[in-house]
Structure formats: structure tokens, C-alpha cells
Amino acid sequence: MRQDTGGLWENFLITERMKRNSYSQFYVNPYFWRNHAQQEIDYIEETGGRIFAFEFKWNAAKKVRFSKSFLNAYPGSSTQVIHQGNFHDFLV
């Protein structure tokens, strides 16, 4: 019922992921990505020369497309949608 559920979900996942990485001594470079057309990726981690892009959705049924401009700019990057059904694996 809240209007900010998606933003709260995104904030929760990013902060918990950063804590998990710190506690595990898993060092990554965290980034956010947005282009001039306002297309965005919620969270990006770069480690070992690889890029991992994550989109966060509260509603698992919501269709997600990763920006073609991102995929073209960073070929070979790994993409994943994180939702209520799979977030545990993202945080453990």
C-alpha cells in the first residue's frame, strides 16, 4: 500500500549486500548506472574485471529489461533480477 515500497526494498538490499561483502571480506567496487535517457541499473558490482548488474523488484511478476545501451557498453556483464523469491541467495 505504500508508495515507496520499491525504494525501501532497493535500499534494504543494497545496504545488506554491502554489509555481507564487508563481513565476508569480499572486496568489490560498487556502482550505480544511469544514462542521459534516464535508463538505470539499480546496483553494479565490479570485481576481478567482471561486472555484475542487479535490478531489484519487489514484485517478482514485474517484467524487467536491462538497458540495451548498458549491455552494449559492457558486453559480457552478468545480469540478475533480485526479488522476494531469490533475495536470500543475494545476501548470503
C-alpha atoms as a PDB file:
ATOM      1  CA  MET A   1       0.000   0.000   0.000  1.00  0.00           C
ATOM      2  CA  ARG A   2       2.966   2.330   0.447  1.00  0.00           C
ATOM      3  CA  GLN A   3       4.178   4.377  -2.500  1.00  0.00           C
ATOM      4  CA  ASP A   4       7.839   3.902  -1.575  1.00  0.00           C
ATOM      5  CA  THR A   5       7.929   0.104  -1.196  1.00  0.00           C
ATOM      6  CA  GLY A   6      10.237  -0.359  -4.191  1.00  0.00           C
ATOM      7  CA  GLY A   7      12.675   2.265  -2.933  1.00  0.00           C
ATOM      8  CA  LEU A   8      12.733   0.775   0.557  1.00  0.00           C
ATOM      9  CA  TRP A   9      13.300  -2.703  -0.911  1.00  0.00           C
ATOM     10  CA  GLU A  10      16.184  -1.416  -3.043  1.00  0.00           C
ATOM     11  CA  ASN A  11      17.758   0.397  -0.085  1.00  0.00           C
ATOM     12  CA  PHE A  12      17.452  -2.694   2.136  1.00  0.00           C
ATOM     13  CA  LEU A  13      19.073  -4.975  -0.445  1.00  0.00           C
ATOM     14  CA  ILE A  14      21.977  -2.647  -1.193  1.00  0.00           C
ATOM     15  CA  THR A  15      22.839  -1.968   2.458  1.00  0.00           C
ATOM     16  CA  GLU A  16      22.582  -5.637   3.407  1.00  0.00           C
ATOM     17  CA  ARG A  17      24.715  -6.640   0.390  1.00  0.00           C
ATOM     18  CA  MET A  18      27.373  -4.084   1.360  1.00  0.00           C
ATOM     19  CA  LYS A  19      27.396  -5.441   4.924  1.00  0.00           C
ATOM     20  CA  ARG A  20      27.640  -9.017   3.612  1.00  0.00           C
ATOM     21  CA  ASN A  21      30.568  -8.098   1.368  1.00  0.00           C
ATOM     22  CA  SER A  22      32.357  -6.309   4.206  1.00  0.00           C
ATOM     23  CA  TYR A  23      31.838  -9.070   6.781  1.00  0.00           C
ATOM     24  CA  SER A  24      32.982 -11.707   4.276  1.00  0.00           C
ATOM     25  CA  GLN A  25      35.959  -9.587   3.193  1.00  0.00           C
ATOM     26  CA  PHE A  26      34.670  -9.819  -0.364  1.00  0.00           C
ATOM     27  CA  TYR A  27      36.000  -6.686  -1.987  1.00  0.00           C
ATOM     28  CA  VAL A  28      34.026  -5.201  -4.850  1.00  0.00           C
ATOM     29  CA  ASN A  29      33.710  -1.800  -6.446  1.00  0.00           C
ATOM     30  CA  PRO A  30      30.031  -0.824  -6.065  1.00  0.00           C
ATOM     31  CA  TYR A  31      28.401   1.413  -8.671  1.00  0.00           C
ATOM     32  CA  PHE A  32      25.092   2.762  -9.838  1.00  0.00           C
ATOM     33  CA  TRP A  33      24.478   3.429 -13.522  1.00  0.00           C
ATOM     34  CA  ARG A  34      22.212   5.897 -15.312  1.00  0.00           C
ATOM     35  CA  ASN A  35      22.496   7.386 -18.784  1.00  0.00           C
ATOM     36  CA  HIS A  36      21.220  10.687 -20.192  1.00  0.00           C
ATOM     37  CA  ALA A  37      17.967   8.990 -21.258  1.00  0.00           C
ATOM     38  CA  GLN A  38      17.375   8.177 -17.547  1.00  0.00           C
ATOM     39  CA  GLN A  39      17.767   4.422 -18.061  1.00  0.00           C
ATOM     40  CA  GLU A  40      19.316   2.931 -14.958  1.00  0.00           C
ATOM     41  CA  ILE A  41      20.720  -0.156 -13.304  1.00  0.00           C
ATOM     42  CA  ASP A  42      19.922  -0.354  -9.588  1.00  0.00           C
ATOM     43  CA  TYR A  43      23.251  -1.751  -8.411  1.00  0.00           C
ATOM     44  CA  ILE A  44      26.501  -2.872 -10.010  1.00  0.00           C
ATOM     45  CA  GLU A  45      29.488  -4.698  -8.579  1.00  0.00           C
ATOM     46  CA  GLU A  46      32.824  -4.924 -10.349  1.00  0.00           C
ATOM     47  CA  THR A  47      35.359  -7.437  -9.159  1.00  0.00           C
ATOM     48  CA  GLY A  48      38.164  -9.289 -10.875  1.00  0.00           C
ATOM     49  CA  GLY A  49      37.494  -7.423 -14.114  1.00  0.00           C
ATOM     50  CA  ARG A  50      33.894  -8.685 -14.279  1.00  0.00           C
ATOM     51  CA  ILE A  51      30.733  -6.629 -13.993  1.00  0.00           C
ATOM     52  CA  PHE A  52      27.625  -7.884 -12.214  1.00  0.00           C
ATOM     53  CA  ALA A  53      24.453  -5.821 -12.709  1.00  0.00           C
ATOM     54  CA  PHE A  54      21.407  -6.192 -10.472  1.00  0.00           C
ATOM     55  CA  GLU A  55      17.847  -4.942 -10.778  1.00  0.00           C
ATOM     56  CA  PHE A  56      15.659  -5.049  -7.672  1.00  0.00           C
ATOM     57  CA  LYS A  57      11.920  -5.646  -7.910  1.00  0.00           C
ATOM     58  CA  TRP A  58       9.509  -6.007  -5.012  1.00  0.00           C
ATOM     59  CA  ASN A  59       7.003  -7.647  -7.354  1.00  0.00           C
ATOM     60  CA  ALA A  60       8.587 -10.776  -8.871  1.00  0.00           C
ATOM     61  CA  ALA A  61       5.977 -10.842 -11.646  1.00  0.00           C
ATOM     62  CA  LYS A  62       7.051  -7.442 -12.970  1.00  0.00           C
ATOM     63  CA  LYS A  63       8.850  -7.703 -16.299  1.00  0.00           C
ATOM     64  CA  VAL A  64      12.431  -6.417 -16.285  1.00  0.00           C
ATOM     65  CA  ARG A  65      14.614  -5.450 -19.211  1.00  0.00           C
ATOM     66  CA  PHE A  66      18.205  -4.427 -18.855  1.00  0.00           C
ATOM     67  CA  SER A  67      19.058  -1.369 -20.907  1.00  0.00           C
ATOM     68  CA  LYS A  68      20.496  -2.170 -24.325  1.00  0.00           C
ATOM     69  CA  SER A  69      22.829   0.790 -24.000  1.00  0.00           C
ATOM     70  CA  PHE A  70      24.243  -0.726 -20.787  1.00  0.00           C
ATOM     71  CA  LEU A  71      24.572  -4.187 -22.325  1.00  0.00           C
ATOM     72  CA  ASN A  72      26.271  -2.743 -25.417  1.00  0.00           C
ATOM     73  CA  ALA A  73      28.642  -0.633 -23.324  1.00  0.00           C
ATOM     74  CA  TYR A  74      29.561  -3.551 -21.048  1.00  0.00           C
ATOM     75  CA  PRO A  75      29.414  -6.749 -23.120  1.00  0.00           C
ATOM     76  CA  GLY A  76      29.835  -9.936 -21.135  1.00  0.00           C
ATOM     77  CA  SER A  77      28.453  -8.413 -17.958  1.00  0.00           C
ATOM     78  CA  SER A  78      26.310 -10.650 -15.802  1.00  0.00           C
ATOM     79  CA  THR A  79      22.724  -9.521 -15.099  1.00  0.00           C
ATOM     80  CA  GLN A  80      20.309 -10.682 -12.443  1.00  0.00           C
ATOM     81  CA  VAL A  81      16.911  -9.634 -11.132  1.00  0.00           C
ATOM     82  CA  ILE A  82      16.554  -9.819  -7.357  1.00  0.00           C
ATOM     83  CA  HIS A  83      13.045 -10.177  -5.902  1.00  0.00           C
ATOM     84  CA  GLN A  84      11.305 -11.574  -2.835  1.00  0.00           C
ATOM     85  CA  GLY A  85      11.732 -15.138  -4.056  1.00  0.00           C
ATOM     86  CA  ASN A  86      15.518 -15.099  -4.503  1.00  0.00           C
ATOM     87  CA  PHE A  87      16.919 -12.299  -2.354  1.00  0.00           C
ATOM     88  CA  HIS A  88      18.260 -14.676   0.294  1.00  0.00           C
ATOM     89  CA  ASP A  89      20.876 -16.043  -2.119  1.00  0.00           C
ATOM     90  CA  PHE A  90      21.896 -12.457  -2.942  1.00  0.00           C
ATOM     91  CA  LEU A  91      22.507 -11.673   0.736  1.00  0.00           C
ATOM     92  CA  VAL A  92      24.130 -14.900   1.953  1.00  0.00           C
END
